[in-house]
Amino acid sequence: MNGLITIQSAYPVSKTIDRLISIIESRGMTIFGRIDHADNALKQGLPLRPTELIIFGNPKAGTLLMQDKQISGIDLPLKALAWEDIQGKTWLTYNDINWIAERHGLSKEMNSIIKAIADGITSVALNATTIEK
């Protein structure tokens, strides 16, 4: 899907999100929120397989992007969704920062920041979803 990156997680949804939060915080980033969509659905009497979202980022890096193109704030802070498919597999889907940059026409001066964010998100996502050796 355009603008999204999805990888399989070796862990259940809640543990994937817990691991993601731990790694994000250990790298000095901020967790702005955690939403348990399945729990909210249950409170409405509606079924939903495990699905949790976190909102996170680095306020300094995000601010620099918004200073370049303020409307990029609609896609910032970043989001990651852990979800369980019908076969019981867990997936982690997150916004592709390169897509966000393209969507908002961020200037070339932002390329090094965008690359650093992309590298950081990839590393965090892989560490959160892969079995430790």
Protein backbone atom coordinates (compact mmCIF):
# COMPACT_ATOMS: atom_id res chain seq x y z
CA MET A 1 0.00 0.00 0.00
CA ASN A 2 1.34 3.41 -0.92
CA GLY A 3 3.12 5.15 1.94
CA LEU A 4 3.14 2.15 4.27
CA ILE A 5 5.77 -0.39 5.19
CA THR A 6 4.61 -3.72 6.66
CA ILE A 7 6.80 -6.38 8.25
CA GLN A 8 5.89 -9.56 10.09
CA SER A 9 6.48 -9.70 13.82
CA ALA A 10 7.63 -12.76 15.73
CA TYR A 11 5.66 -11.53 18.75
CA PRO A 12 1.97 -11.05 19.59
CA VAL A 13 0.50 -7.57 19.04
CA SER A 14 0.84 -6.23 22.61
CA LYS A 15 4.38 -7.56 23.01
CA THR A 16 5.35 -6.07 19.62
CA ILE A 17 4.08 -2.67 20.77
CA ASP A 18 5.74 -3.04 24.19
CA ARG A 19 9.05 -3.84 22.49
CA LEU A 20 8.62 -0.98 20.05
CA ILE A 21 7.95 1.49 22.87
CA SER A 22 10.94 0.27 24.87
CA ILE A 23 13.30 0.62 21.91
CA ILE A 24 11.90 4.02 20.89
CA GLU A 25 12.27 5.39 24.41
CA SER A 26 15.79 3.93 24.75
CA ARG A 27 16.75 5.96 21.68
CA GLY A 28 15.53 9.21 23.20
CA MET A 29 12.35 9.52 21.17
CA THR A 30 8.94 10.34 22.60
CA ILE A 31 5.83 8.18 22.80
CA PHE A 32 2.86 10.51 22.38
CA GLY A 33 0.16 7.87 22.70
CA ARG A 34 -0.90 4.25 22.58
CA ILE A 35 -4.32 3.21 21.33
CA ASP A 36 -5.75 -0.28 21.71
CA HIS A 37 -8.27 -0.39 18.86
CA ALA A 38 -9.44 -3.91 19.76
CA ASP A 39 -10.20 -2.87 23.34
CA ASN A 40 -12.09 0.20 22.12
CA ALA A 41 -14.05 -1.99 19.69
CA LEU A 42 -14.88 -4.44 22.48
CA LYS A 43 -16.26 -1.58 24.60
CA GLN A 44 -18.67 -0.92 21.72
CA GLY A 45 -19.63 -4.59 21.49
CA LEU A 46 -17.75 -5.01 18.21
CA PRO A 47 -15.20 -7.69 17.38
CA LEU A 48 -11.72 -6.74 16.20
CA ARG A 49 -8.59 -8.87 16.16
CA PRO A 50 -5.73 -7.46 18.26
CA THR A 51 -4.80 -4.06 16.83
CA GLU A 52 -2.70 -1.43 18.62
CA LEU A 53 -1.33 1.90 17.44
CA ILE A 54 1.46 4.03 18.82
CA ILE A 55 2.19 7.63 18.00
CA PHE A 56 5.86 8.52 18.40
CA GLY A 57 8.70 10.65 17.20
CA ASN A 58 11.54 13.02 17.79
CA PRO A 59 10.09 16.51 18.36
CA LYS A 60 13.27 18.22 17.12
CA ALA A 61 13.39 16.30 13.83
CA GLY A 62 9.64 16.61 13.35
CA THR A 63 9.77 20.35 13.97
CA LEU A 64 12.49 20.78 11.36
CA LEU A 65 10.29 19.00 8.81
CA MET A 66 7.30 21.13 9.76
CA GLN A 67 9.40 24.29 9.51
CA ASP A 68 10.15 23.27 5.94
CA LYS A 69 6.51 22.42 5.08
CA GLN A 70 4.14 23.04 7.95
CA ILE A 71 1.41 20.79 6.50
CA SER A 72 3.67 17.78 7.06
CA GLY A 73 2.35 18.03 10.63
CA ILE A 74 -0.74 16.14 9.45
CA ASP A 75 1.51 13.05 9.16
CA LEU A 76 3.68 13.81 12.19
CA PRO A 77 4.31 12.49 14.74
CA LEU A 78 4.86 9.10 13.16
CA LYS A 79 2.55 6.14 13.70
CA ALA A 80 3.02 2.39 13.86
CA LEU A 81 0.24 -0.20 13.96
CA ALA A 82 0.65 -3.76 15.20
CA TRP A 83 -2.17 -6.01 14.08
CA GLU A 84 -3.15 -9.64 13.86
CA ASP A 85 -4.38 -11.08 10.58
CA ILE A 86 -7.06 -13.73 10.13
CA GLN A 87 -4.41 -16.50 10.29
CA GLY A 88 -3.16 -15.23 13.66
CA LYS A 89 0.08 -13.72 12.31
CA THR A 90 1.22 -10.40 13.73
CA TRP A 91 2.29 -7.56 11.48
CA LEU A 92 3.78 -4.13 12.08
CA THR A 93 2.81 -1.39 9.66
CA TYR A 94 4.25 2.09 9.79
CA ASN A 95 4.31 5.24 7.71
CA ASP A 96 7.16 5.51 5.21
CA ILE A 97 8.93 8.80 5.94
CA ASN A 98 10.09 8.99 2.31
CA TRP A 99 6.46 8.89 1.21
CA ILE A 100 5.62 11.61 3.75
CA ALA A 101 8.48 13.74 2.40
CA GLU A 102 7.29 13.27 -1.17
CA ARG A 103 3.64 13.83 -0.26
CA HIS A 104 4.43 17.20 1.28
CA GLY A 105 7.18 18.25 -1.13
CA LEU A 106 9.84 18.62 1.54
CA SER A 107 12.90 20.43 0.26
CA LYS A 108 16.21 18.76 -0.58
CA GLU A 109 17.68 20.42 2.52
CA MET A 110 15.62 17.91 4.54
CA ASN A 111 17.15 14.84 2.83
CA SER A 112 19.68 14.09 5.58
CA ILE A 113 16.98 14.35 8.28
CA ILE A 114 14.61 12.17 6.24
CA LYS A 115 17.33 9.56 5.74
CA ALA A 116 18.17 9.54 9.45
CA ILE A 117 14.49 9.11 10.34
CA ALA A 118 14.05 6.34 7.76
CA ASP A 119 17.14 4.49 8.99
CA GLY A 120 16.03 4.89 12.61
CA ILE A 121 12.48 3.64 11.99
CA THR A 122 13.74 0.65 10.03
CA SER A 123 16.14 -0.28 12.81
CA VAL A 124 13.52 0.16 15.54
CA ALA A 125 10.92 -1.85 13.62
CA LEU A 126 13.29 -4.73 12.87
CA ASN A 127 14.54 -4.87 16.46
CA ALA A 128 11.00 -4.85 17.84
CA THR A 129 9.72 -7.63 15.57
CA THR A 130 12.68 -10.03 15.39
CA ILE A 131 13.48 -12.78 17.88
CA GLU A 132 16.54 -11.89 19.94
CA LYS A 133 19.49 -14.24 19.55
